[in-house]
N, C-alpha and C. Protein backbone atom coordinates (compact mmCIF):
# COMPACT_ATOMS: atom_id res chain seq x y z
N MET A 1 -7.54 -23.32 5.98
CA MET A 1 -6.60 -23.17 4.88
C MET A 1 -5.33 -22.50 5.38
N THR A 2 -4.20 -23.04 4.98
CA THR A 2 -2.91 -22.51 5.43
C THR A 2 -2.34 -21.56 4.39
N ILE A 3 -1.27 -20.87 4.80
CA ILE A 3 -0.61 -19.96 3.86
C ILE A 3 -0.05 -20.73 2.67
N LYS A 4 0.37 -21.97 2.89
CA LYS A 4 0.86 -22.79 1.78
C LYS A 4 -0.25 -23.08 0.80
N ASP A 5 -1.45 -23.39 1.32
CA ASP A 5 -2.59 -23.69 0.45
C ASP A 5 -2.95 -22.48 -0.42
N ILE A 6 -3.07 -21.31 0.20
CA ILE A 6 -3.48 -20.13 -0.54
C ILE A 6 -2.37 -19.68 -1.49
N SER A 7 -1.10 -19.93 -1.10
CA SER A 7 0.00 -19.55 -1.98
C SER A 7 -0.05 -20.32 -3.30
N LEU A 8 -0.57 -21.56 -3.24
CA LEU A 8 -0.69 -22.35 -4.46
C LEU A 8 -1.68 -21.71 -5.43
N ASN A 9 -2.65 -20.95 -4.90
CA ASN A 9 -3.62 -20.28 -5.75
C ASN A 9 -3.03 -19.05 -6.44
N LEU A 10 -1.90 -18.56 -5.92
CA LEU A 10 -1.22 -17.45 -6.56
C LEU A 10 -0.30 -18.03 -7.63
N THR A 11 -0.92 -18.47 -8.72
CA THR A 11 -0.19 -19.12 -9.80
C THR A 11 0.73 -18.13 -10.50
N GLU A 12 1.62 -18.65 -11.32
CA GLU A 12 2.56 -17.79 -12.04
C GLU A 12 1.82 -16.81 -12.95
N ASP A 13 0.76 -17.31 -13.65
CA ASP A 13 -0.02 -16.43 -14.52
C ASP A 13 -0.70 -15.33 -13.71
N ARG A 14 -1.27 -15.68 -12.57
CA ARG A 14 -1.94 -14.69 -11.73
C ARG A 14 -0.94 -13.67 -11.18
N ARG A 15 0.22 -14.15 -10.76
CA ARG A 15 1.24 -13.24 -10.25
C ARG A 15 1.70 -12.27 -11.34
N ASP A 16 1.92 -12.79 -12.55
CA ASP A 16 2.37 -11.93 -13.64
C ASP A 16 1.31 -10.89 -13.99
N THR A 17 0.04 -11.31 -13.99
CA THR A 17 -1.04 -10.38 -14.30
C THR A 17 -1.15 -9.30 -13.23
N LEU A 18 -1.08 -9.74 -11.97
CA LEU A 18 -1.11 -8.78 -10.87
C LEU A 18 0.07 -7.81 -10.95
N GLN A 19 1.24 -8.34 -11.27
CA GLN A 19 2.43 -7.50 -11.34
C GLN A 19 2.25 -6.40 -12.38
N GLU A 20 1.67 -6.75 -13.52
CA GLU A 20 1.49 -5.77 -14.58
C GLU A 20 0.52 -4.68 -14.18
N LEU A 21 -0.63 -5.08 -13.63
CA LEU A 21 -1.63 -4.05 -13.30
C LEU A 21 -1.18 -3.21 -12.10
N ILE A 22 -0.42 -3.81 -11.19
CA ILE A 22 0.08 -3.07 -10.03
C ILE A 22 1.18 -2.11 -10.44
N ASN A 23 2.02 -2.53 -11.41
CA ASN A 23 3.05 -1.62 -11.91
C ASN A 23 2.41 -0.34 -12.44
N VAL A 24 1.33 -0.49 -13.19
CA VAL A 24 0.63 0.67 -13.74
C VAL A 24 0.05 1.52 -12.61
N ALA A 25 -0.64 0.86 -11.67
CA ALA A 25 -1.32 1.59 -10.60
C ALA A 25 -0.34 2.29 -9.67
N MET A 26 0.74 1.61 -9.31
CA MET A 26 1.74 2.21 -8.43
C MET A 26 2.43 3.38 -9.11
N GLY A 27 2.63 3.27 -10.43
CA GLY A 27 3.22 4.37 -11.18
C GLY A 27 2.31 5.59 -11.17
N GLN A 28 1.00 5.35 -11.32
CA GLN A 28 0.04 6.44 -11.26
C GLN A 28 0.05 7.10 -9.89
N ALA A 29 0.16 6.28 -8.85
CA ALA A 29 0.20 6.82 -7.49
C ALA A 29 1.45 7.67 -7.29
N GLY A 30 2.58 7.20 -7.81
CA GLY A 30 3.81 7.96 -7.71
C GLY A 30 3.71 9.29 -8.44
N ALA A 31 3.06 9.29 -9.61
CA ALA A 31 2.89 10.52 -10.37
C ALA A 31 1.99 11.49 -9.62
N SER A 32 0.95 10.98 -8.97
CA SER A 32 0.06 11.85 -8.20
C SER A 32 0.79 12.46 -7.02
N LEU A 33 1.61 11.64 -6.34
CA LEU A 33 2.37 12.16 -5.20
C LEU A 33 3.40 13.18 -5.67
N ALA A 34 4.04 12.92 -6.80
CA ALA A 34 5.02 13.85 -7.34
C ALA A 34 4.37 15.19 -7.68
N SER A 35 3.16 15.13 -8.24
CA SER A 35 2.43 16.36 -8.56
C SER A 35 2.06 17.11 -7.29
N HIS A 36 1.64 16.36 -6.28
CA HIS A 36 1.26 16.96 -4.99
C HIS A 36 2.45 17.64 -4.33
N MET A 37 3.61 17.01 -4.41
CA MET A 37 4.80 17.52 -3.73
C MET A 37 5.66 18.41 -4.64
N GLU A 38 5.34 18.41 -5.94
CA GLU A 38 6.11 19.18 -6.93
C GLU A 38 7.59 18.80 -6.91
N THR A 39 7.83 17.50 -6.98
CA THR A 39 9.20 16.99 -7.02
C THR A 39 9.20 15.63 -7.71
N PHE A 40 10.37 15.13 -8.07
CA PHE A 40 10.46 13.82 -8.71
C PHE A 40 10.41 12.73 -7.65
N ILE A 41 9.58 11.73 -7.89
CA ILE A 41 9.45 10.59 -6.97
C ILE A 41 9.95 9.33 -7.65
N ASP A 42 10.84 8.63 -7.00
CA ASP A 42 11.35 7.36 -7.48
C ASP A 42 10.59 6.24 -6.80
N LEU A 43 10.35 5.13 -7.48
CA LEU A 43 9.66 4.01 -6.86
C LEU A 43 10.32 2.70 -7.24
N SER A 44 10.23 1.75 -6.31
CA SER A 44 10.81 0.43 -6.54
C SER A 44 9.84 -0.43 -7.34
N VAL A 45 10.32 -1.57 -7.79
CA VAL A 45 9.44 -2.56 -8.41
C VAL A 45 8.54 -3.14 -7.32
N PRO A 46 7.22 -3.15 -7.52
CA PRO A 46 6.33 -3.71 -6.49
C PRO A 46 6.65 -5.18 -6.21
N VAL A 47 6.56 -5.54 -4.95
CA VAL A 47 6.80 -6.91 -4.50
C VAL A 47 5.47 -7.52 -4.06
N ILE A 48 5.15 -8.69 -4.60
CA ILE A 48 3.90 -9.38 -4.28
C ILE A 48 4.24 -10.69 -3.59
N SER A 49 3.66 -10.94 -2.43
CA SER A 49 3.95 -12.18 -1.72
C SER A 49 2.87 -12.48 -0.70
N MET A 50 2.76 -13.75 -0.35
CA MET A 50 1.89 -14.17 0.75
C MET A 50 2.72 -14.15 2.03
N VAL A 51 2.22 -13.52 3.07
CA VAL A 51 2.96 -13.42 4.32
C VAL A 51 2.04 -13.72 5.49
N ASN A 52 2.63 -14.19 6.59
CA ASN A 52 1.86 -14.36 7.82
C ASN A 52 2.06 -13.12 8.68
N ARG A 53 1.46 -13.11 9.86
CA ARG A 53 1.50 -11.92 10.70
C ARG A 53 2.92 -11.60 11.16
N ASP A 54 3.70 -12.63 11.48
CA ASP A 54 5.08 -12.39 11.93
C ASP A 54 5.92 -11.75 10.83
N GLN A 55 5.75 -12.23 9.60
CA GLN A 55 6.50 -11.68 8.49
C GLN A 55 6.12 -10.23 8.23
N LEU A 56 4.82 -9.93 8.36
CA LEU A 56 4.38 -8.57 8.14
C LEU A 56 4.93 -7.64 9.21
N ALA A 57 4.98 -8.11 10.44
CA ALA A 57 5.55 -7.30 11.52
C ALA A 57 7.01 -6.98 11.23
N ALA A 58 7.75 -7.96 10.68
CA ALA A 58 9.14 -7.73 10.33
C ALA A 58 9.26 -6.70 9.22
N ASP A 59 8.33 -6.77 8.25
CA ASP A 59 8.31 -5.78 7.17
C ASP A 59 8.18 -4.37 7.73
N MET A 60 7.24 -4.21 8.65
CA MET A 60 6.98 -2.89 9.21
C MET A 60 8.19 -2.38 9.99
N SER A 61 8.92 -3.29 10.59
CA SER A 61 10.05 -2.90 11.42
C SER A 61 11.28 -2.58 10.59
N GLU A 62 11.54 -3.38 9.54
CA GLU A 62 12.82 -3.30 8.86
C GLU A 62 12.79 -2.62 7.50
N GLU A 63 11.61 -2.45 6.90
CA GLU A 63 11.60 -2.02 5.52
C GLU A 63 11.10 -0.61 5.30
N ALA A 64 10.94 0.17 6.37
CA ALA A 64 10.54 1.56 6.17
C ALA A 64 11.59 2.30 5.37
N THR A 65 12.84 1.91 5.51
CA THR A 65 13.92 2.53 4.74
C THR A 65 14.64 1.50 3.86
N LEU A 66 13.99 0.36 3.62
CA LEU A 66 14.54 -0.73 2.81
C LEU A 66 15.78 -1.37 3.42
N GLU A 67 16.00 -1.17 4.70
CA GLU A 67 17.11 -1.84 5.37
C GLU A 67 16.82 -1.85 6.87
N PRO A 68 17.40 -2.81 7.63
CA PRO A 68 17.18 -2.81 9.07
C PRO A 68 17.56 -1.47 9.68
N SER A 69 16.68 -0.94 10.50
CA SER A 69 16.91 0.41 11.03
C SER A 69 16.27 0.56 12.39
N GLN A 70 16.88 1.40 13.23
CA GLN A 70 16.31 1.74 14.52
C GLN A 70 15.59 3.08 14.44
N GLU A 71 15.39 3.57 13.22
CA GLU A 71 14.71 4.84 13.04
C GLU A 71 13.25 4.73 13.44
N LEU A 72 12.74 5.78 14.05
CA LEU A 72 11.32 5.84 14.34
C LEU A 72 10.54 6.04 13.05
N VAL A 73 9.33 5.54 13.01
CA VAL A 73 8.48 5.67 11.83
C VAL A 73 7.09 6.14 12.26
N SER A 74 6.37 6.65 11.29
CA SER A 74 4.96 6.96 11.46
C SER A 74 4.19 6.23 10.38
N ALA A 75 2.98 5.81 10.67
CA ALA A 75 2.22 5.02 9.70
C ALA A 75 0.75 5.41 9.71
N ILE A 76 0.17 5.39 8.52
CA ILE A 76 -1.24 5.69 8.31
C ILE A 76 -1.89 4.48 7.68
N ARG A 77 -3.10 4.16 8.10
CA ARG A 77 -3.85 3.07 7.50
C ARG A 77 -5.11 3.62 6.86
N GLN A 78 -5.54 2.97 5.76
CA GLN A 78 -6.77 3.37 5.08
C GLN A 78 -7.40 2.15 4.44
N GLY A 79 -8.65 1.89 4.74
CA GLY A 79 -9.35 0.75 4.19
C GLY A 79 -9.92 1.04 2.81
N PHE A 80 -10.06 0.00 1.99
CA PHE A 80 -10.72 0.11 0.69
C PHE A 80 -11.63 -1.10 0.51
N TYR A 81 -12.73 -0.92 -0.23
CA TYR A 81 -13.71 -2.00 -0.37
C TYR A 81 -14.66 -1.70 -1.51
N GLU A 82 -15.24 -2.77 -2.06
CA GLU A 82 -16.31 -2.64 -3.04
C GLU A 82 -17.61 -2.44 -2.27
N GLY A 83 -18.12 -1.21 -2.27
CA GLY A 83 -19.33 -0.94 -1.51
C GLY A 83 -20.54 -1.68 -2.01
N SER A 84 -20.57 -2.00 -3.30
CA SER A 84 -21.73 -2.67 -3.89
C SER A 84 -21.64 -4.19 -3.83
N ASN A 85 -20.50 -4.71 -3.34
CA ASN A 85 -20.31 -6.16 -3.33
C ASN A 85 -19.63 -6.58 -2.02
N PRO A 86 -20.41 -7.08 -1.04
CA PRO A 86 -19.85 -7.47 0.26
C PRO A 86 -18.76 -8.54 0.15
N LYS A 87 -18.78 -9.33 -0.94
CA LYS A 87 -17.80 -10.39 -1.11
C LYS A 87 -16.69 -9.98 -2.08
N GLY A 88 -16.66 -8.70 -2.43
CA GLY A 88 -15.71 -8.24 -3.43
C GLY A 88 -14.36 -7.86 -2.85
N ILE A 89 -13.61 -7.09 -3.62
CA ILE A 89 -12.27 -6.65 -3.22
C ILE A 89 -12.37 -5.80 -1.96
N ARG A 90 -11.56 -6.12 -0.98
CA ARG A 90 -11.47 -5.28 0.22
C ARG A 90 -10.15 -5.58 0.92
N GLY A 91 -9.66 -4.59 1.62
CA GLY A 91 -8.41 -4.74 2.33
C GLY A 91 -8.02 -3.42 2.94
N GLU A 92 -6.75 -3.26 3.21
CA GLU A 92 -6.31 -1.98 3.72
C GLU A 92 -4.91 -1.64 3.22
N ALA A 93 -4.69 -0.35 3.10
CA ALA A 93 -3.38 0.17 2.74
C ALA A 93 -2.73 0.72 4.00
N ILE A 94 -1.44 0.46 4.14
CA ILE A 94 -0.67 1.02 5.25
C ILE A 94 0.55 1.71 4.65
N ALA A 95 0.66 3.00 4.91
CA ALA A 95 1.82 3.77 4.44
C ALA A 95 2.73 4.03 5.63
N VAL A 96 3.98 3.57 5.52
CA VAL A 96 4.96 3.72 6.59
C VAL A 96 6.00 4.76 6.16
N PHE A 97 6.12 5.82 6.95
CA PHE A 97 6.98 6.94 6.60
C PHE A 97 8.20 7.00 7.51
N GLY A 98 9.32 7.45 6.96
CA GLY A 98 10.53 7.66 7.74
C GLY A 98 10.33 8.76 8.77
N GLU A 99 11.24 8.79 9.74
CA GLU A 99 11.11 9.65 10.91
C GLU A 99 10.95 11.13 10.58
N ARG A 100 11.66 11.62 9.57
CA ARG A 100 11.67 13.05 9.29
C ARG A 100 10.95 13.40 7.98
N CYS A 101 10.14 12.48 7.48
CA CYS A 101 9.47 12.70 6.20
C CYS A 101 8.55 13.91 6.23
N TYR A 102 7.87 14.09 7.36
CA TYR A 102 6.92 15.19 7.43
C TYR A 102 7.62 16.54 7.31
N LEU A 103 8.87 16.63 7.77
CA LEU A 103 9.62 17.88 7.64
C LEU A 103 9.92 18.17 6.17
N ARG A 104 10.26 17.14 5.42
CA ARG A 104 10.50 17.31 3.99
C ARG A 104 9.20 17.68 3.27
N LEU A 105 8.10 17.04 3.68
CA LEU A 105 6.81 17.38 3.10
C LEU A 105 6.46 18.84 3.34
N ALA A 106 6.66 19.29 4.59
CA ALA A 106 6.37 20.68 4.93
C ALA A 106 7.20 21.63 4.08
N GLU A 107 8.46 21.26 3.84
CA GLU A 107 9.35 22.10 3.03
C GLU A 107 8.86 22.16 1.59
N LEU A 108 8.53 21.01 1.01
CA LEU A 108 8.10 20.96 -0.38
C LEU A 108 6.77 21.65 -0.59
N LEU A 109 5.89 21.59 0.41
CA LEU A 109 4.56 22.19 0.29
C LEU A 109 4.53 23.63 0.78
N HIS A 110 5.71 24.14 1.13
CA HIS A 110 5.85 25.55 1.55
C HIS A 110 4.95 25.87 2.76
N VAL A 111 4.97 24.96 3.72
CA VAL A 111 4.19 25.16 4.94
C VAL A 111 4.99 26.04 5.90
N ASP A 112 4.41 27.15 6.31
CA ASP A 112 5.12 28.10 7.18
C ASP A 112 4.93 27.80 8.66
N THR A 113 3.93 26.94 8.98
CA THR A 113 3.63 26.64 10.38
C THR A 113 4.81 25.92 11.04
N VAL A 114 5.05 26.23 12.30
CA VAL A 114 6.11 25.56 13.04
C VAL A 114 5.79 24.07 13.12
N PRO A 115 6.74 23.17 12.76
CA PRO A 115 6.49 21.72 12.81
C PRO A 115 5.98 21.29 14.18
N SER A 116 4.97 20.43 14.17
CA SER A 116 4.36 19.94 15.40
C SER A 116 3.79 18.56 15.14
N PRO A 117 3.47 17.79 16.19
CA PRO A 117 2.84 16.49 15.98
C PRO A 117 1.54 16.58 15.18
N GLN A 118 0.76 17.63 15.41
CA GLN A 118 -0.49 17.80 14.68
C GLN A 118 -0.22 18.05 13.20
N LEU A 119 0.79 18.87 12.90
CA LEU A 119 1.15 19.13 11.51
C LEU A 119 1.64 17.85 10.85
N GLU A 120 2.42 17.07 11.56
CA GLU A 120 2.89 15.79 11.01
C GLU A 120 1.72 14.92 10.62
N ARG A 121 0.74 14.79 11.51
CA ARG A 121 -0.43 13.96 11.21
C ARG A 121 -1.14 14.46 9.96
N GLU A 122 -1.35 15.75 9.87
CA GLU A 122 -2.07 16.31 8.73
C GLU A 122 -1.34 16.07 7.42
N LEU A 123 -0.03 16.28 7.41
CA LEU A 123 0.75 16.09 6.19
C LEU A 123 0.78 14.63 5.76
N LEU A 124 0.95 13.72 6.73
CA LEU A 124 1.04 12.30 6.38
C LEU A 124 -0.32 11.73 5.99
N LEU A 125 -1.38 12.21 6.63
CA LEU A 125 -2.73 11.78 6.24
C LEU A 125 -3.03 12.19 4.80
N GLU A 126 -2.64 13.40 4.45
CA GLU A 126 -2.88 13.89 3.09
C GLU A 126 -2.06 13.11 2.07
N ALA A 127 -0.79 12.86 2.39
CA ALA A 127 0.06 12.10 1.48
C ALA A 127 -0.46 10.68 1.29
N THR A 128 -0.90 10.05 2.38
CA THR A 128 -1.42 8.68 2.30
C THR A 128 -2.68 8.63 1.46
N ASN A 129 -3.57 9.58 1.66
CA ASN A 129 -4.81 9.61 0.88
C ASN A 129 -4.50 9.75 -0.61
N THR A 130 -3.51 10.58 -0.95
CA THR A 130 -3.10 10.75 -2.35
C THR A 130 -2.57 9.44 -2.92
N LEU A 131 -1.69 8.78 -2.19
CA LEU A 131 -1.11 7.53 -2.66
C LEU A 131 -2.16 6.42 -2.79
N THR A 132 -2.93 6.22 -1.72
CA THR A 132 -3.87 5.10 -1.68
C THR A 132 -4.95 5.23 -2.74
N SER A 133 -5.58 6.40 -2.80
CA SER A 133 -6.68 6.56 -3.76
C SER A 133 -6.18 6.44 -5.19
N SER A 134 -5.03 7.02 -5.50
CA SER A 134 -4.48 6.93 -6.87
C SER A 134 -4.13 5.49 -7.22
N CYS A 135 -3.49 4.80 -6.29
CA CYS A 135 -3.07 3.43 -6.55
C CYS A 135 -4.27 2.50 -6.69
N MET A 136 -5.18 2.54 -5.72
CA MET A 136 -6.31 1.62 -5.75
C MET A 136 -7.28 1.93 -6.88
N ASN A 137 -7.45 3.21 -7.21
CA ASN A 137 -8.28 3.54 -8.37
C ASN A 137 -7.67 3.00 -9.65
N GLY A 138 -6.32 3.04 -9.72
CA GLY A 138 -5.65 2.47 -10.89
C GLY A 138 -5.88 0.98 -11.01
N ILE A 139 -5.84 0.28 -9.87
CA ILE A 139 -6.12 -1.17 -9.87
C ILE A 139 -7.58 -1.43 -10.21
N ALA A 140 -8.49 -0.66 -9.58
CA ALA A 140 -9.93 -0.86 -9.78
C ALA A 140 -10.33 -0.63 -11.23
N ASP A 141 -9.76 0.41 -11.84
CA ASP A 141 -10.10 0.70 -13.24
C ASP A 141 -9.72 -0.46 -14.15
N GLN A 142 -8.57 -1.06 -13.91
CA GLN A 142 -8.14 -2.17 -14.76
C GLN A 142 -8.97 -3.42 -14.53
N LEU A 143 -9.46 -3.59 -13.30
CA LEU A 143 -10.29 -4.76 -12.98
C LEU A 143 -11.77 -4.49 -13.20
N GLU A 144 -12.09 -3.24 -13.58
CA GLU A 144 -13.47 -2.83 -13.86
C GLU A 144 -14.38 -3.00 -12.65
N VAL A 145 -13.92 -2.52 -11.51
CA VAL A 145 -14.72 -2.48 -10.30
C VAL A 145 -14.65 -1.07 -9.72
N GLU A 146 -15.56 -0.76 -8.79
CA GLU A 146 -15.56 0.54 -8.14
C GLU A 146 -15.27 0.35 -6.65
N LEU A 147 -14.36 1.14 -6.13
CA LEU A 147 -13.96 1.03 -4.74
C LEU A 147 -14.38 2.27 -3.94
N ASP A 148 -14.70 2.04 -2.68
CA ASP A 148 -14.90 3.11 -1.71
C ASP A 148 -13.77 3.04 -0.69
N TYR A 149 -13.61 4.13 0.07
CA TYR A 149 -12.49 4.22 1.01
C TYR A 149 -12.96 4.69 2.37
N SER A 150 -12.35 4.14 3.40
CA SER A 150 -12.56 4.67 4.74
C SER A 150 -11.65 5.88 4.92
N ALA A 151 -11.91 6.69 5.92
CA ALA A 151 -11.05 7.84 6.19
C ALA A 151 -9.69 7.32 6.69
N PRO A 152 -8.58 7.89 6.23
CA PRO A 152 -7.27 7.46 6.73
C PRO A 152 -7.13 7.79 8.20
N SER A 153 -6.42 6.93 8.93
CA SER A 153 -6.23 7.16 10.37
C SER A 153 -4.80 6.80 10.76
N MET A 154 -4.33 7.42 11.83
CA MET A 154 -2.97 7.20 12.29
C MET A 154 -2.84 5.83 12.94
N LEU A 155 -1.90 5.03 12.44
CA LEU A 155 -1.63 3.72 13.02
C LEU A 155 -0.54 3.82 14.09
N GLY A 156 0.40 4.71 13.89
CA GLY A 156 1.47 4.93 14.86
C GLY A 156 2.23 6.18 14.49
N GLN A 157 2.64 6.95 15.48
CA GLN A 157 3.34 8.20 15.21
C GLN A 157 4.64 8.24 15.98
N GLN A 158 5.77 8.29 15.25
CA GLN A 158 7.10 8.32 15.83
C GLN A 158 7.28 7.14 16.81
N VAL A 159 7.10 5.93 16.28
CA VAL A 159 7.27 4.72 17.07
C VAL A 159 8.21 3.80 16.31
N TYR A 160 8.69 2.76 16.97
CA TYR A 160 9.48 1.75 16.28
C TYR A 160 8.55 0.85 15.48
N GLY A 161 9.03 0.40 14.32
CA GLY A 161 8.19 -0.34 13.41
C GLY A 161 7.53 -1.56 14.02
N TYR A 162 8.23 -2.24 14.92
CA TYR A 162 7.66 -3.46 15.49
C TYR A 162 6.49 -3.18 16.42
N ASN A 163 6.25 -1.91 16.73
CA ASN A 163 5.10 -1.55 17.57
C ASN A 163 3.88 -1.13 16.77
N LEU A 164 3.97 -1.18 15.45
CA LEU A 164 2.86 -0.69 14.64
C LEU A 164 1.66 -1.62 14.67
N LEU A 165 1.89 -2.92 14.68
CA LEU A 165 0.79 -3.88 14.60
C LEU A 165 0.39 -4.38 15.97
N ASP A 166 -0.91 -4.37 16.23
CA ASP A 166 -1.46 -4.93 17.46
C ASP A 166 -2.01 -6.32 17.14
N PHE A 167 -1.25 -7.36 17.51
CA PHE A 167 -1.64 -8.72 17.14
C PHE A 167 -3.00 -9.12 17.71
N ASP A 168 -3.39 -8.53 18.83
CA ASP A 168 -4.68 -8.87 19.41
C ASP A 168 -5.84 -8.42 18.54
N LYS A 169 -5.59 -7.46 17.64
CA LYS A 169 -6.65 -6.93 16.80
C LYS A 169 -6.60 -7.46 15.37
N ILE A 170 -5.61 -8.30 15.08
CA ILE A 170 -5.50 -8.88 13.74
C ILE A 170 -6.27 -10.20 13.72
N GLU A 171 -7.27 -10.28 12.84
CA GLU A 171 -8.15 -11.44 12.82
C GLU A 171 -7.74 -12.47 11.78
N TRP A 172 -6.66 -12.21 11.05
CA TRP A 172 -6.23 -13.14 10.02
C TRP A 172 -4.84 -13.69 10.34
N ASP A 173 -4.54 -14.85 9.76
CA ASP A 173 -3.23 -15.48 9.96
C ASP A 173 -2.25 -15.13 8.84
N PHE A 174 -2.76 -14.83 7.64
CA PHE A 174 -1.90 -14.53 6.51
C PHE A 174 -2.65 -13.62 5.55
N CYS A 175 -1.90 -12.98 4.67
CA CYS A 175 -2.52 -12.09 3.70
C CYS A 175 -1.65 -11.99 2.46
N LEU A 176 -2.23 -11.48 1.39
CA LEU A 176 -1.45 -11.12 0.21
C LEU A 176 -0.91 -9.72 0.46
N ARG A 177 0.40 -9.58 0.40
CA ARG A 177 1.04 -8.29 0.65
C ARG A 177 1.64 -7.77 -0.65
N ILE A 178 1.25 -6.55 -1.00
CA ILE A 178 1.84 -5.85 -2.14
C ILE A 178 2.58 -4.65 -1.57
N GLN A 179 3.84 -4.50 -1.91
CA GLN A 179 4.65 -3.45 -1.32
C GLN A 179 5.45 -2.71 -2.38
N VAL A 180 5.51 -1.39 -2.23
CA VAL A 180 6.37 -0.57 -3.09
C VAL A 180 6.99 0.53 -2.24
N HIS A 181 8.20 0.89 -2.58
CA HIS A 181 8.93 1.91 -1.84
C HIS A 181 9.01 3.18 -2.68
N TYR A 182 8.55 4.29 -2.12
CA TYR A 182 8.62 5.59 -2.77
C TYR A 182 9.69 6.42 -2.07
N SER A 183 10.47 7.17 -2.85
CA SER A 183 11.51 8.00 -2.25
C SER A 183 11.75 9.24 -3.10
N GLU A 184 12.43 10.22 -2.48
CA GLU A 184 12.70 11.50 -3.12
C GLU A 184 14.07 11.97 -2.65
N SER A 185 14.80 12.64 -3.51
CA SER A 185 16.20 12.94 -3.24
C SER A 185 16.43 13.77 -1.99
N GLY A 186 15.43 14.51 -1.55
CA GLY A 186 15.60 15.36 -0.37
C GLY A 186 15.38 14.68 0.96
N GLY A 187 15.07 13.38 0.93
CA GLY A 187 14.94 12.64 2.18
C GLY A 187 13.57 12.06 2.45
N PHE A 188 12.58 12.34 1.59
CA PHE A 188 11.27 11.73 1.76
C PHE A 188 11.33 10.27 1.38
N MET A 189 10.75 9.39 2.21
CA MET A 189 10.66 7.97 1.86
C MET A 189 9.44 7.36 2.52
N CYS A 190 8.82 6.45 1.79
CA CYS A 190 7.59 5.83 2.27
C CYS A 190 7.48 4.43 1.69
N ASN A 191 7.05 3.49 2.48
CA ASN A 191 6.68 2.17 2.01
C ASN A 191 5.17 2.05 2.03
N LEU A 192 4.59 1.74 0.89
CA LEU A 192 3.14 1.53 0.81
C LEU A 192 2.86 0.03 0.76
N PHE A 193 2.07 -0.45 1.71
CA PHE A 193 1.67 -1.85 1.77
C PHE A 193 0.18 -1.94 1.46
N LEU A 194 -0.19 -2.83 0.54
CA LEU A 194 -1.59 -3.17 0.30
C LEU A 194 -1.80 -4.59 0.81
N LEU A 195 -2.76 -4.77 1.68
CA LEU A 195 -2.98 -6.07 2.34
C LEU A 195 -4.39 -6.57 2.03
N LEU A 196 -4.47 -7.80 1.51
CA LEU A 196 -5.76 -8.41 1.20
C LEU A 196 -5.79 -9.82 1.78
N THR A 197 -6.91 -10.17 2.38
CA THR A 197 -7.08 -11.50 2.97
C THR A 197 -8.31 -12.17 2.37
N ASN A 198 -8.54 -13.43 2.73
CA ASN A 198 -9.78 -14.10 2.33
C ASN A 198 -10.97 -13.42 2.98
N PRO A 199 -12.16 -13.37 2.32
CA PRO A 199 -12.48 -13.94 1.00
C PRO A 199 -12.16 -13.02 -0.18
N ALA A 200 -11.59 -11.85 0.10
CA ALA A 200 -11.30 -10.91 -0.99
C ALA A 200 -10.31 -11.49 -1.98
N LEU A 201 -9.41 -12.36 -1.51
CA LEU A 201 -8.42 -12.94 -2.42
C LEU A 201 -9.08 -13.78 -3.51
N ALA A 202 -10.12 -14.52 -3.15
CA ALA A 202 -10.81 -15.34 -4.14
C ALA A 202 -11.39 -14.46 -5.25
N GLN A 203 -11.98 -13.33 -4.86
CA GLN A 203 -12.52 -12.41 -5.86
C GLN A 203 -11.42 -11.76 -6.68
N LEU A 204 -10.30 -11.42 -6.03
CA LEU A 204 -9.17 -10.82 -6.75
C LEU A 204 -8.65 -11.79 -7.80
N PHE A 205 -8.49 -13.06 -7.44
CA PHE A 205 -7.99 -14.03 -8.40
C PHE A 205 -8.98 -14.25 -9.55
N THR A 206 -10.28 -14.21 -9.24
CA THR A 206 -11.29 -14.33 -10.29
C THR A 206 -11.18 -13.18 -11.28
N LEU A 207 -11.01 -11.99 -10.76
CA LEU A 207 -10.91 -10.81 -11.63
C LEU A 207 -9.62 -10.81 -12.44
N THR A 208 -8.50 -11.23 -11.84
CA THR A 208 -7.25 -11.29 -12.60
C THR A 208 -7.31 -12.37 -13.68
N ASP A 209 -8.00 -13.48 -13.39
CA ASP A 209 -8.17 -14.52 -14.41
C ASP A 209 -8.96 -13.96 -15.60
N LYS A 210 -10.01 -13.20 -15.30
CA LYS A 210 -10.82 -12.60 -16.37
C LYS A 210 -10.00 -11.60 -17.17
N LEU A 211 -9.20 -10.79 -16.47
CA LEU A 211 -8.35 -9.82 -17.14
C LEU A 211 -7.36 -10.52 -18.06
N LEU A 212 -6.76 -11.61 -17.59
CA LEU A 212 -5.81 -12.36 -18.40
C LEU A 212 -6.49 -12.96 -19.63
N GLU A 213 -7.69 -13.50 -19.44
CA GLU A 213 -8.43 -14.08 -20.57
C GLU A 213 -8.74 -13.01 -21.61
N ASP A 214 -9.13 -11.81 -21.15
CA ASP A 214 -9.44 -10.72 -22.07
C ASP A 214 -8.20 -10.30 -22.85
N LEU A 215 -7.06 -10.22 -22.14
CA LEU A 215 -5.81 -9.83 -22.80
C LEU A 215 -5.38 -10.87 -23.83
N GLU A 216 -5.51 -12.15 -23.47
CA GLU A 216 -5.15 -13.21 -24.41
C GLU A 216 -6.08 -13.19 -25.63
N GLY A 217 -7.36 -12.88 -25.37
CA GLY A 217 -8.31 -12.80 -26.49
C GLY A 217 -7.98 -11.69 -27.46
N ASP A 218 -7.42 -10.59 -26.95
CA ASP A 218 -7.06 -9.47 -27.81
C ASP A 218 -5.93 -9.81 -28.78
N PHE A 219 -5.10 -10.81 -28.40
CA PHE A 219 -3.95 -11.15 -29.24
C PHE A 219 -4.22 -12.35 -30.13
N GLN A 220 -5.44 -12.86 -30.07
CA GLN A 220 -5.78 -14.01 -30.93
C GLN A 220 -6.46 -13.56 -32.21
């Protein structure tokens, strides 16, 4: 199956339904991050699209700050899955942070420790866990499924975006990419990517179809 074939399965109704539930979930994640950081967090409209590996690599390189940039980035990955259903929803979240985000995090969280690579890892791991769990729990609740999470791990620290993905370790040719940009007036910025591939996409579309049917039934 090609990316064109699977893209045909992302019908307008499915895209609209996904957009609505993701808007809610991403908003919840932003509110959780804002509470964690005790500051106002702005977020973009989530973007949903089918992408291949080359397109995703370009995303990682150019969209950490929503524009082409030579800035170094750090990224955390965290897997999510239906523990009770091997064929259910599963994928991974990747949070890409701007070069100096950890310094802003340290400031907002009143961290007195001298900034260091270890401190950066700890702050970004915590922020990613807050974003991912809040967002995915928001999606799971609306789809009436339960998700488990792997421990977040560092994908790259202070590297150029095009070095984040190791193509030799990617077993898929294309995926459904959901992306939202979070930012804060003091310089914090993060792009959160949710990536889902087959066979999880088939289950996701089944669940969104059921959600749409239930919503339509409520208005009849």
